[in-house]
Amino acid sequence: MTPRFERFTRKASAEPGLRFNALMGMLSEPEGLHESFARQDGSKAPGVDGIRKDDYADGVDERIASLSARLRRMGYRPNPARRTYIPKGDGGYRPLGIPSFEDRLVQDRLSHILQAIWEPEFRDCSYGFRPGRSAHDALRRVAEVITNEQTQWVVEADIKGFFNHVSHDHLMRFLEHRIADPNLLRIIGRFLRAGVMEDGVFGATTEGTPQGGLVSPVLSNIYLHYVLDLWFEKRFTRQCRGKAYLIRYADDYIACFQYEGDAKRFYQAMQERLADFELEIEPSKSAILRFGSTALRSDGTSVGQGTRTFSFLGFTHYVGRSRKGRFVVGRQTDGKRKRKKLKALSARLRAMRGKGGKAMIAFLRRHLQGHIQYYGVSGNSRGVASYVYFATHYLYKWLNRRSQRRSLTWKHFGEIIRPLLPLARIVHDLYPMPKWMTQTGSRMV
């Protein structure tokens, strides 16, 4: 972090609400652009210019000096993002925009500036793409609210194509709350209108922030900060009869309520609020659920037809009881996501047969380590173990199909190869501490 940016960050934290009118000097600072260059992953796919990090490193000082000069004189114009598609859990595909390498540097620098300005203002209910916060923190908060605050109703909602439908006009108006520098706003506007290139054909972008852009996460947080977070905490909760909480990770969020009436009013008011900012929910993925300690009888059966599960951040949440009979929020890997991921893993291992067994084993080891690191949460031991079991069998299957001869027995696989792979384990304890243990005067305080 450069001294100038460090001073700026301290000022932004100390004076929330202050409007900044001279930010282009910090965006074009060569030292800061060098830092952005160092942060880039050299293995990322190139944009429409075909340049990777190794290519840009050849004469990087001259390249960054030229980029800095173009930014200062407002001669910089971003290239259109290269459009590609990644599979979604429902069988569809999500558009992904891959920026050019030089655009990555500017977006990285821009995202750090915006993050420093808005981080002191972001609400505690927001967890996505923020320093020191993770998806596991959001999951832990869900369990804490439902268990300790004893909320009984959950509203799960999914914004239809959020990143593709962000209104540029509303977003720019939100940015003007804290930014008075017209040149920086022009640069952001250029990124929003840069367009996409797909199969050699240019497409204009009149709305949305392309997923894949380094500045898109913080722009989405700013947008939903004003559209959802502030509205919920400052206005809607004041009308609630009981407790009400919002937990949001990027565009994925749930709301927890003590009373059914508050949950129903929120479901209706939320749709009206989103419509005011040109957004809408996906009805098939949004619902009001009875979910809490009163939704489970003493014998473990559910109460009423309204009791269901809900999905949040890749986990299916269900009501359950601990071994001591206490109510707990149970979690297991989302079934659809698990099946889709295993299918993709099998296809990847099949395609790697020509690279040799060592490459296949090394890939699966990295893959399982990442899976366990995310899905290894309290209560999901069976889900993790099941995934490791099937993934291991896929490796055994495709190792044996590298030729027409079966070269590997299950016994040999278990003795030689299986010990090289990680074992299923729990990494994150997400069970909340009981509320009575955190009260003033208790032994835990």
Protein backbone atom coordinates (compact mmCIF):
# COMPACT_ATOMS: atom_id res chain seq x y z
CA MET A 1 0.00 0.00 0.00
CA THR A 2 1.46 3.36 -1.03
CA PRO A 3 1.74 6.12 1.61
CA ARG A 4 -0.76 8.23 -0.29
CA PHE A 5 -3.35 5.45 -0.38
CA GLU A 6 -2.73 4.64 3.29
CA ARG A 7 -3.48 8.26 4.25
CA PHE A 8 -6.58 8.20 2.06
CA THR A 9 -7.84 5.00 3.73
CA ARG A 10 -7.40 6.49 7.20
CA LYS A 11 -9.26 9.64 6.18
CA ALA A 12 -12.13 7.64 4.64
CA SER A 13 -12.46 5.59 7.84
CA ALA A 14 -12.28 8.62 10.14
CA GLU A 15 -14.80 10.74 8.21
CA PRO A 16 -17.69 8.56 6.96
CA GLY A 17 -20.00 10.51 4.73
CA LEU A 18 -17.26 12.77 3.34
CA ARG A 19 -17.40 13.39 -0.43
CA PHE A 20 -14.09 13.05 -2.27
CA ASN A 21 -13.41 15.39 -5.19
CA ALA A 22 -9.80 14.56 -6.20
CA LEU A 23 -9.35 10.82 -6.75
CA MET A 24 -7.88 10.57 -10.25
CA GLY A 25 -4.37 11.23 -8.94
CA MET A 26 -4.65 8.15 -6.75
CA LEU A 27 -6.09 6.04 -9.57
CA SER A 28 -3.27 6.99 -11.95
CA GLU A 29 -0.47 6.72 -9.38
CA PRO A 30 2.27 4.54 -10.99
CA GLU A 31 3.22 2.94 -7.66
CA GLY A 32 -0.38 1.87 -7.11
CA LEU A 33 -0.65 0.45 -10.63
CA HIS A 34 2.55 -1.53 -9.99
CA GLU A 35 0.89 -2.97 -6.86
CA SER A 36 -2.14 -3.94 -8.94
CA PHE A 37 0.16 -5.60 -11.46
CA ALA A 38 1.81 -7.65 -8.69
CA ARG A 39 -1.61 -8.82 -7.43
CA GLN A 40 -2.70 -10.25 -10.78
CA ASP A 41 -2.81 -14.00 -11.31
CA GLY A 42 -0.68 -14.93 -14.30
CA SER A 43 -2.80 -18.02 -15.02
CA LYS A 44 -5.98 -16.03 -15.74
CA ALA A 45 -7.44 -16.22 -19.23
CA PRO A 46 -6.63 -13.24 -21.48
CA GLY A 47 -9.18 -10.69 -22.68
CA VAL A 48 -9.82 -9.51 -26.24
CA ASP A 49 -6.24 -8.21 -26.56
CA GLY A 50 -4.78 -11.68 -25.87
CA ILE A 51 -2.22 -10.28 -23.42
CA ARG A 52 -1.32 -12.23 -20.27
CA LYS A 53 0.71 -11.14 -17.27
CA ASP A 54 3.95 -12.56 -18.68
CA ASP A 55 3.45 -10.56 -21.87
CA TYR A 56 2.75 -7.34 -19.98
CA ALA A 57 5.80 -7.91 -17.76
CA ASP A 58 8.03 -7.30 -20.79
CA GLY A 59 8.68 -3.57 -20.40
CA VAL A 60 6.22 -3.22 -17.53
CA ASP A 61 7.68 0.09 -16.31
CA GLU A 62 7.13 1.77 -19.68
CA ARG A 63 3.68 0.21 -20.05
CA ILE A 64 2.52 1.42 -16.63
CA ALA A 65 4.00 4.88 -17.20
CA SER A 66 2.01 5.10 -20.44
CA LEU A 67 -1.17 3.85 -18.71
CA SER A 68 -0.72 6.39 -15.90
CA ALA A 69 -0.32 9.24 -18.41
CA ARG A 70 -3.44 8.20 -20.33
CA LEU A 71 -5.45 8.09 -17.10
CA ARG A 72 -4.26 11.57 -16.10
CA ARG A 73 -5.22 13.15 -19.42
CA MET A 74 -8.49 11.08 -19.62
CA GLY A 75 -7.23 9.36 -22.76
CA TYR A 76 -7.77 5.88 -21.30
CA ARG A 77 -10.68 3.86 -22.69
CA PRO A 78 -11.27 0.26 -21.60
CA ASN A 79 -11.61 -2.54 -24.14
CA PRO A 80 -14.82 -4.55 -24.34
CA ALA A 81 -14.82 -7.63 -22.13
CA ARG A 82 -14.49 -11.03 -23.78
CA ARG A 83 -17.78 -12.86 -23.22
CA THR A 84 -17.74 -16.48 -22.14
CA TYR A 85 -20.17 -18.68 -20.24
CA ILE A 86 -19.87 -20.84 -17.15
CA PRO A 87 -22.40 -23.51 -16.12
CA LYS A 88 -24.89 -22.79 -13.33
CA GLY A 89 -26.30 -25.24 -10.81
CA ASP A 90 -29.71 -25.32 -12.53
CA GLY A 91 -28.33 -26.52 -15.86
CA GLY A 92 -28.15 -23.07 -17.43
CA TYR A 93 -25.15 -20.87 -18.12
CA ARG A 94 -23.99 -17.61 -16.54
CA PRO A 95 -22.32 -14.98 -18.75
CA LEU A 96 -18.81 -14.04 -17.67
CA GLY A 97 -16.87 -11.01 -18.86
CA ILE A 98 -13.08 -11.35 -19.07
CA PRO A 99 -11.39 -7.91 -19.15
CA SER A 100 -8.13 -7.14 -20.95
CA PHE A 101 -5.02 -7.25 -18.79
CA GLU A 102 -4.49 -3.49 -18.69
CA ASP A 103 -8.15 -3.04 -17.78
CA ARG A 104 -7.58 -5.47 -14.92
CA LEU A 105 -4.95 -3.14 -13.47
CA VAL A 106 -7.23 -0.11 -13.59
CA GLN A 107 -10.21 -2.07 -12.24
CA ASP A 108 -8.12 -3.48 -9.42
CA ARG A 109 -6.93 -0.01 -8.44
CA LEU A 110 -10.44 1.40 -8.77
CA SER A 111 -11.97 -1.36 -6.65
CA HIS A 112 -9.52 -0.67 -3.82
CA ILE A 113 -10.40 3.04 -3.88
CA LEU A 114 -14.14 2.35 -3.81
CA GLN A 115 -13.70 -0.28 -1.09
CA ALA A 116 -11.79 2.19 1.11
CA ILE A 117 -14.54 4.80 0.71
CA TRP A 118 -17.56 2.58 1.36
CA GLU A 119 -16.18 -0.02 3.78
CA PRO A 120 -16.89 2.20 6.84
CA GLU A 121 -20.48 2.62 5.61
CA PHE A 122 -21.33 -0.97 4.70
CA ARG A 123 -23.70 -2.60 7.18
CA ASP A 124 -22.85 -5.59 9.36
CA CYS A 125 -25.43 -7.68 7.47
CA SER A 126 -23.21 -7.61 4.35
CA TYR A 127 -20.51 -10.30 4.07
CA GLY A 128 -19.61 -10.73 0.39
CA PHE A 129 -16.32 -9.44 -1.04
CA ARG A 130 -15.37 -7.52 2.09
CA PRO A 131 -12.00 -7.68 3.90
CA GLY A 132 -12.02 -9.95 6.94
CA ARG A 133 -15.40 -11.49 6.04
CA SER A 134 -16.23 -14.74 4.34
CA ALA A 135 -19.09 -17.01 3.34
CA HIS A 136 -18.50 -19.02 6.52
CA ASP A 137 -19.00 -15.87 8.60
CA ALA A 138 -22.35 -15.37 6.88
CA LEU A 139 -23.33 -19.01 7.54
CA ARG A 140 -22.29 -18.67 11.18
CA ARG A 141 -24.44 -15.55 11.49
CA VAL A 142 -27.46 -17.38 10.05
CA ALA A 143 -27.17 -20.07 12.73
CA GLU A 144 -26.62 -17.46 15.43
CA VAL A 145 -29.73 -15.47 14.47
CA ILE A 146 -32.05 -18.46 14.14
CA THR A 147 -30.74 -20.23 17.25
CA ASN A 148 -29.99 -17.45 19.74
CA GLU A 149 -32.44 -14.80 18.59
CA GLN A 150 -35.11 -17.49 18.15
CA THR A 151 -36.49 -16.27 14.85
CA GLN A 152 -39.10 -18.64 13.42
CA TRP A 153 -39.58 -17.56 9.80
CA VAL A 154 -37.13 -17.26 6.93
CA VAL A 155 -37.58 -15.43 3.64
CA GLU A 156 -35.23 -16.77 0.97
CA ALA A 157 -34.92 -14.67 -2.16
CA ASP A 158 -32.99 -14.77 -5.40
CA ILE A 159 -32.58 -11.68 -7.59
CA LYS A 160 -33.09 -12.62 -11.21
CA GLY A 161 -29.89 -11.99 -13.19
CA PHE A 162 -28.66 -9.34 -10.78
CA PHE A 163 -25.28 -8.61 -12.39
CA ASN A 164 -26.96 -8.32 -15.80
CA HIS A 165 -29.68 -5.89 -14.67
CA VAL A 166 -27.93 -3.33 -12.46
CA SER A 167 -29.18 0.07 -13.59
CA HIS A 168 -26.31 2.32 -14.65
CA ASP A 169 -28.29 5.46 -13.83
CA HIS A 170 -29.10 4.35 -10.29
CA LEU A 171 -25.55 3.09 -9.73
CA MET A 172 -23.98 6.37 -10.81
CA ARG A 173 -26.37 8.26 -8.55
CA PHE A 174 -25.33 6.05 -5.61
CA LEU A 175 -21.65 6.65 -6.38
CA GLU A 176 -22.21 10.41 -6.35
CA HIS A 177 -23.18 10.18 -2.66
CA ARG A 178 -19.48 9.87 -1.82
CA ILE A 179 -17.61 10.80 -5.01
CA ALA A 180 -17.55 14.35 -6.33
CA ASP A 181 -14.67 13.82 -8.76
CA PRO A 182 -16.30 13.98 -12.24
CA ASN A 183 -13.31 12.39 -13.96
CA LEU A 184 -13.38 9.28 -11.77
CA LEU A 185 -17.13 8.96 -12.38
CA ARG A 186 -16.43 9.21 -16.12
CA ILE A 187 -13.90 6.36 -15.89
CA ILE A 188 -16.45 4.19 -14.06
CA GLY A 189 -19.06 5.06 -16.67
CA ARG A 190 -16.66 4.01 -19.42
CA PHE A 191 -16.20 0.62 -17.78
CA LEU A 192 -19.95 0.14 -17.50
CA ARG A 193 -20.48 1.02 -21.17
CA ALA A 194 -17.38 -0.73 -22.53
CA GLY A 195 -19.48 -3.53 -24.01
CA VAL A 196 -18.66 -7.18 -24.63
CA MET A 197 -17.07 -9.10 -27.48
CA GLU A 198 -18.57 -12.49 -28.29
CA ASP A 199 -17.41 -14.57 -31.26
CA GLY A 200 -15.90 -11.45 -32.79
CA VAL A 201 -19.14 -9.47 -32.54
CA PHE A 202 -19.35 -6.36 -30.35
CA GLY A 203 -22.36 -5.94 -28.07
CA ALA A 204 -23.20 -2.72 -26.25
CA THR A 205 -23.92 -2.80 -22.49
CA THR A 206 -26.68 -0.46 -21.37
CA GLU A 207 -27.16 -2.11 -17.99
CA GLY A 208 -25.39 -4.51 -15.66
CA THR A 209 -21.85 -5.00 -14.40
CA PRO A 210 -20.19 -7.99 -16.15
CA GLN A 211 -19.34 -10.82 -13.79
CA GLY A 212 -15.61 -11.37 -14.02
CA GLY A 213 -14.66 -7.72 -13.82
CA LEU A 214 -12.52 -6.89 -10.78
CA VAL A 215 -14.60 -3.82 -9.97
CA SER A 216 -17.97 -5.59 -10.27
CA PRO A 217 -18.05 -7.04 -6.70
CA VAL A 218 -17.63 -3.68 -4.96
CA LEU A 219 -20.06 -1.99 -7.38
CA SER A 220 -22.66 -4.66 -6.61
CA ASN A 221 -22.11 -4.18 -2.89
CA ILE A 222 -22.59 -0.43 -3.25
CA TYR A 223 -25.77 -0.94 -5.27
CA LEU A 224 -27.35 -3.37 -2.80
CA HIS A 225 -26.11 -1.30 0.16
CA TYR A 226 -28.52 1.45 -0.84
CA VAL A 227 -31.24 -0.69 -2.41
CA LEU A 228 -31.52 -3.36 0.28
CA ASP A 229 -29.29 -3.07 3.37
CA LEU A 230 -30.02 0.52 4.39
CA TRP A 231 -33.69 0.22 3.48
CA PHE A 232 -34.07 -2.94 5.58
CA GLU A 233 -32.23 -1.70 8.68
CA LYS A 234 -33.28 1.95 8.65
CA ARG A 235 -36.86 1.71 7.43
CA PHE A 236 -38.41 -1.74 7.27
CA THR A 237 -37.30 -3.11 10.66
CA ARG A 238 -38.90 -0.10 12.39
CA GLN A 239 -42.28 -1.36 11.19
CA CYS A 240 -41.73 -4.93 12.40
CA ARG A 241 -43.61 -6.29 15.38
CA GLY A 242 -40.74 -8.58 16.40
CA LYS A 243 -37.09 -9.27 15.65
CA ALA A 244 -35.87 -9.02 12.06
CA TYR A 245 -32.43 -9.72 10.56
CA LEU A 246 -30.88 -9.66 7.10
CA ILE A 247 -27.83 -11.70 6.06
CA ARG A 248 -26.45 -10.91 2.58
CA TYR A 249 -23.50 -12.29 0.66
CA ALA A 250 -23.20 -10.34 -2.63
CA ASP A 251 -26.60 -10.83 -4.34
CA ASP A 252 -27.47 -13.92 -2.28
CA TYR A 253 -29.43 -13.14 0.91
CA ILE A 254 -32.01 -14.33 3.41
CA ALA A 255 -34.09 -12.50 6.02
CA CYS A 256 -35.09 -13.98 9.39
CA PHE A 257 -38.17 -12.90 11.36
CA GLN A 258 -39.74 -13.64 14.70
CA TYR A 259 -43.32 -13.41 13.39
CA GLU A 260 -44.96 -14.67 10.23
CA GLY A 261 -46.73 -11.37 9.58
CA ASP A 262 -43.42 -9.50 9.40
CA ALA A 263 -42.05 -12.10 6.98
CA LYS A 264 -45.07 -11.78 4.66
CA ARG A 265 -44.92 -7.99 4.67
CA PHE A 266 -41.21 -8.08 3.88
CA TYR A 267 -41.75 -10.46 0.97
CA GLN A 268 -44.21 -8.03 -0.59
CA ALA A 269 -42.30 -4.85 0.28
CA MET A 270 -39.04 -6.36 -0.97
CA GLN A 271 -40.49 -6.95 -4.43
CA GLU A 272 -41.75 -3.38 -4.60
CA ARG A 273 -38.40 -2.03 -3.41
CA LEU A 274 -36.44 -4.03 -5.99
CA ALA A 275 -38.84 -2.97 -8.76
CA ASP A 276 -38.11 0.68 -7.93
CA PHE A 277 -34.49 -0.03 -8.92
CA GLU A 278 -35.24 -2.18 -11.99
CA LEU A 279 -34.68 -5.53 -10.28
CA GLU A 280 -36.98 -8.48 -9.66
CA ILE A 281 -36.88 -11.74 -7.78
CA GLU A 282 -36.92 -15.23 -9.26
CA PRO A 283 -40.27 -16.65 -7.97
CA SER A 284 -39.15 -20.27 -8.26
CA LYS A 285 -36.20 -19.60 -5.93
CA SER A 286 -37.96 -17.31 -3.43
CA ALA A 287 -40.27 -18.34 -0.62
CA ILE A 288 -41.44 -17.80 2.97
CA LEU A 289 -40.49 -20.74 5.21
CA ARG A 290 -41.30 -21.72 8.75
CA PHE A 291 -37.83 -22.34 10.13
CA GLY A 292 -36.87 -22.23 13.79
CA SER A 293 -37.00 -23.96 17.15
CA THR A 294 -40.83 -24.20 17.15
CA ALA A 295 -40.87 -25.88 13.73
CA LEU A 296 -39.67 -29.18 15.19
CA ARG A 297 -41.60 -31.41 17.57
CA SER A 298 -39.89 -33.20 20.42
CA ASP A 299 -39.93 -36.43 18.41
CA GLY A 300 -38.00 -34.75 15.59
CA THR A 301 -40.89 -34.47 13.11
CA SER A 302 -41.76 -31.20 11.41
CA VAL A 303 -44.70 -29.01 12.42
CA GLY A 304 -47.12 -28.13 9.62
CA GLN A 305 -46.70 -28.01 5.86
CA GLY A 306 -44.80 -24.69 5.88
CA THR A 307 -41.64 -26.26 7.25
CA ARG A 308 -39.08 -26.78 4.51
CA THR A 309 -35.39 -26.42 3.85
CA PHE A 310 -33.67 -23.47 2.23
CA SER A 311 -30.44 -23.14 0.29
CA PHE A 312 -27.85 -20.49 1.04
CA LEU A 313 -24.25 -20.29 -0.17
CA GLY A 314 -24.15 -23.85 -1.44
CA PHE A 315 -25.69 -25.49 1.65
CA THR A 316 -29.16 -26.87 2.29
CA HIS A 317 -30.28 -25.71 5.76
CA TYR A 318 -32.73 -27.81 7.78
CA VAL A 319 -34.13 -27.84 11.31
CA GLY A 320 -32.63 -30.48 13.59
CA ARG A 321 -31.60 -31.38 17.10
CA SER A 322 -28.22 -31.99 18.66
CA ARG A 323 -27.32 -35.15 20.55
CA LYS A 324 -28.40 -33.39 23.74
CA GLY A 325 -31.78 -32.55 22.27
CA ARG A 326 -31.19 -28.85 21.62
CA PHE A 327 -32.43 -27.20 18.45
CA VAL A 328 -29.70 -26.68 15.84
CA VAL A 329 -29.54 -25.36 12.31
CA GLY A 330 -28.39 -28.33 10.26
CA ARG A 331 -26.43 -28.02 7.02
CA GLN A 332 -25.55 -30.35 4.22
CA THR A 333 -24.04 -29.81 0.80
CA ASP A 334 -26.69 -28.72 -1.68
CA GLY A 335 -27.64 -31.85 -3.61
CA LYS A 336 -27.95 -30.23 -7.05
CA ARG A 337 -24.64 -28.45 -6.70
CA LYS A 338 -22.94 -31.62 -5.48
CA ARG A 339 -24.18 -33.70 -8.42
CA LYS A 340 -23.23 -31.00 -10.93
CA LYS A 341 -19.77 -30.66 -9.41
CA LEU A 342 -19.15 -34.43 -9.47
CA LYS A 343 -20.27 -34.60 -13.10
CA ALA A 344 -17.84 -31.83 -14.03
CA LEU A 345 -15.06 -33.52 -12.03
CA SER A 346 -15.59 -36.80 -13.86
CA ALA A 347 -15.40 -35.02 -17.23
CA ARG A 348 -12.22 -33.22 -16.17
CA LEU A 349 -10.49 -36.43 -15.05
CA ARG A 350 -11.53 -38.13 -18.26
CA ALA A 351 -10.00 -35.32 -20.31
CA MET A 352 -6.76 -35.50 -18.31
CA ARG A 353 -6.03 -39.15 -19.10
CA GLY A 354 -3.46 -38.19 -21.72
CA LYS A 355 -1.48 -36.15 -19.14
CA GLY A 356 -0.72 -39.21 -17.04
CA GLY A 357 -1.71 -40.61 -13.67
CA LYS A 358 0.47 -38.27 -11.62
CA ALA A 359 -1.22 -35.20 -13.08
CA MET A 360 -4.66 -36.70 -12.44
CA ILE A 361 -3.81 -37.50 -8.82
CA ALA A 362 -2.30 -34.06 -8.21
CA PHE A 363 -5.37 -32.35 -9.69
CA LEU A 364 -7.80 -34.36 -7.57
CA ARG A 365 -5.75 -33.71 -4.43
CA ARG A 366 -5.99 -29.94 -5.00
CA HIS A 367 -9.66 -30.23 -5.90
CA LEU A 368 -10.55 -32.17 -2.74
CA GLN A 369 -8.53 -29.83 -0.55
CA GLY A 370 -10.53 -26.88 -1.87
CA HIS A 371 -13.83 -28.72 -1.50
CA ILE A 372 -13.11 -29.77 2.08
CA GLN A 373 -11.92 -26.28 2.97
CA TYR A 374 -15.29 -24.81 1.96
CA TYR A 375 -17.82 -27.58 2.65
CA GLY A 376 -16.14 -29.01 5.75
CA VAL A 377 -18.48 -27.32 8.20
CA SER A 378 -20.04 -28.62 11.41
CA GLY A 379 -22.90 -31.01 10.70
CA ASN A 380 -21.81 -31.76 7.13
CA SER A 381 -19.40 -34.63 7.75
CA ARG A 382 -21.53 -37.07 5.76
CA GLY A 383 -21.82 -34.67 2.84
CA VAL A 384 -18.06 -34.15 2.67
CA ALA A 385 -17.31 -37.85 3.10
CA SER A 386 -19.80 -38.73 0.35
CA TYR A 387 -18.18 -36.29 -2.06
CA VAL A 388 -14.67 -37.59 -1.31
CA TYR A 389 -15.92 -41.17 -1.78
CA PHE A 390 -17.42 -40.56 -5.23
CA ALA A 391 -14.53 -38.34 -6.35
CA THR A 392 -12.07 -41.08 -5.38
CA HIS A 393 -14.02 -43.66 -7.35
CA TYR A 394 -14.02 -41.40 -10.41
CA LEU A 395 -10.24 -41.23 -10.18
CA TYR A 396 -10.01 -45.02 -9.95
CA LYS A 397 -12.35 -45.35 -12.92
CA TRP A 398 -10.45 -43.02 -15.25
CA LEU A 399 -7.01 -44.20 -14.18
CA ASN A 400 -8.08 -47.64 -15.34
CA ARG A 401 -9.33 -46.33 -18.68
CA ARG A 402 -6.13 -44.75 -19.92
CA SER A 403 -5.72 -47.78 -22.18
CA GLN A 404 -7.59 -50.92 -23.12
CA ARG A 405 -5.81 -52.85 -20.39
CA ARG A 406 -7.02 -52.65 -16.81
CA SER A 407 -3.79 -51.70 -15.04
CA LEU A 408 -4.97 -50.95 -11.50
CA THR A 409 -6.76 -53.05 -8.91
CA TRP A 410 -8.83 -51.60 -6.10
CA LYS A 411 -6.43 -53.07 -3.54
CA HIS A 412 -3.42 -51.47 -5.20
CA PHE A 413 -5.32 -48.17 -5.51
CA GLY A 414 -6.17 -48.25 -1.79
CA GLU A 415 -2.61 -49.02 -0.74
CA ILE A 416 -0.67 -46.67 -3.03
CA ILE A 417 -2.90 -43.88 -4.31
CA ARG A 418 -5.65 -43.36 -1.75
CA PRO A 419 -3.18 -42.26 1.00
CA LEU A 420 -2.06 -39.45 -1.32
CA LEU A 421 -5.55 -37.91 -1.24
CA PRO A 422 -6.93 -35.83 1.66
CA LEU A 423 -9.41 -37.35 4.11
CA ALA A 424 -12.84 -35.89 4.73
CA ARG A 425 -12.80 -33.68 7.83
CA ILE A 426 -14.56 -30.76 9.49
CA VAL A 427 -12.66 -27.48 9.11
CA HIS A 428 -15.14 -24.86 10.35
CA ASP A 429 -17.20 -24.99 13.54
CA LEU A 430 -20.28 -22.92 12.71
CA TYR A 431 -22.39 -23.83 15.72
CA PRO A 432 -23.09 -20.60 17.63
CA MET A 433 -22.23 -20.23 21.27
CA PRO A 434 -25.44 -20.47 23.34
CA LYS A 435 -26.77 -17.07 24.27
CA TRP A 436 -26.71 -17.82 27.99
CA MET A 437 -22.95 -18.36 27.76
CA THR A 438 -22.38 -14.83 26.43
CA GLN A 439 -24.58 -12.97 28.91
CA THR A 440 -22.98 -10.53 31.35
CA GLY A 441 -22.04 -12.31 34.56
CA SER A 442 -21.63 -15.76 33.00
CA ARG A 443 -18.37 -17.63 33.29
CA MET A 444 -17.69 -17.30 29.57
CA VAL A 445 -17.46 -13.47 29.74
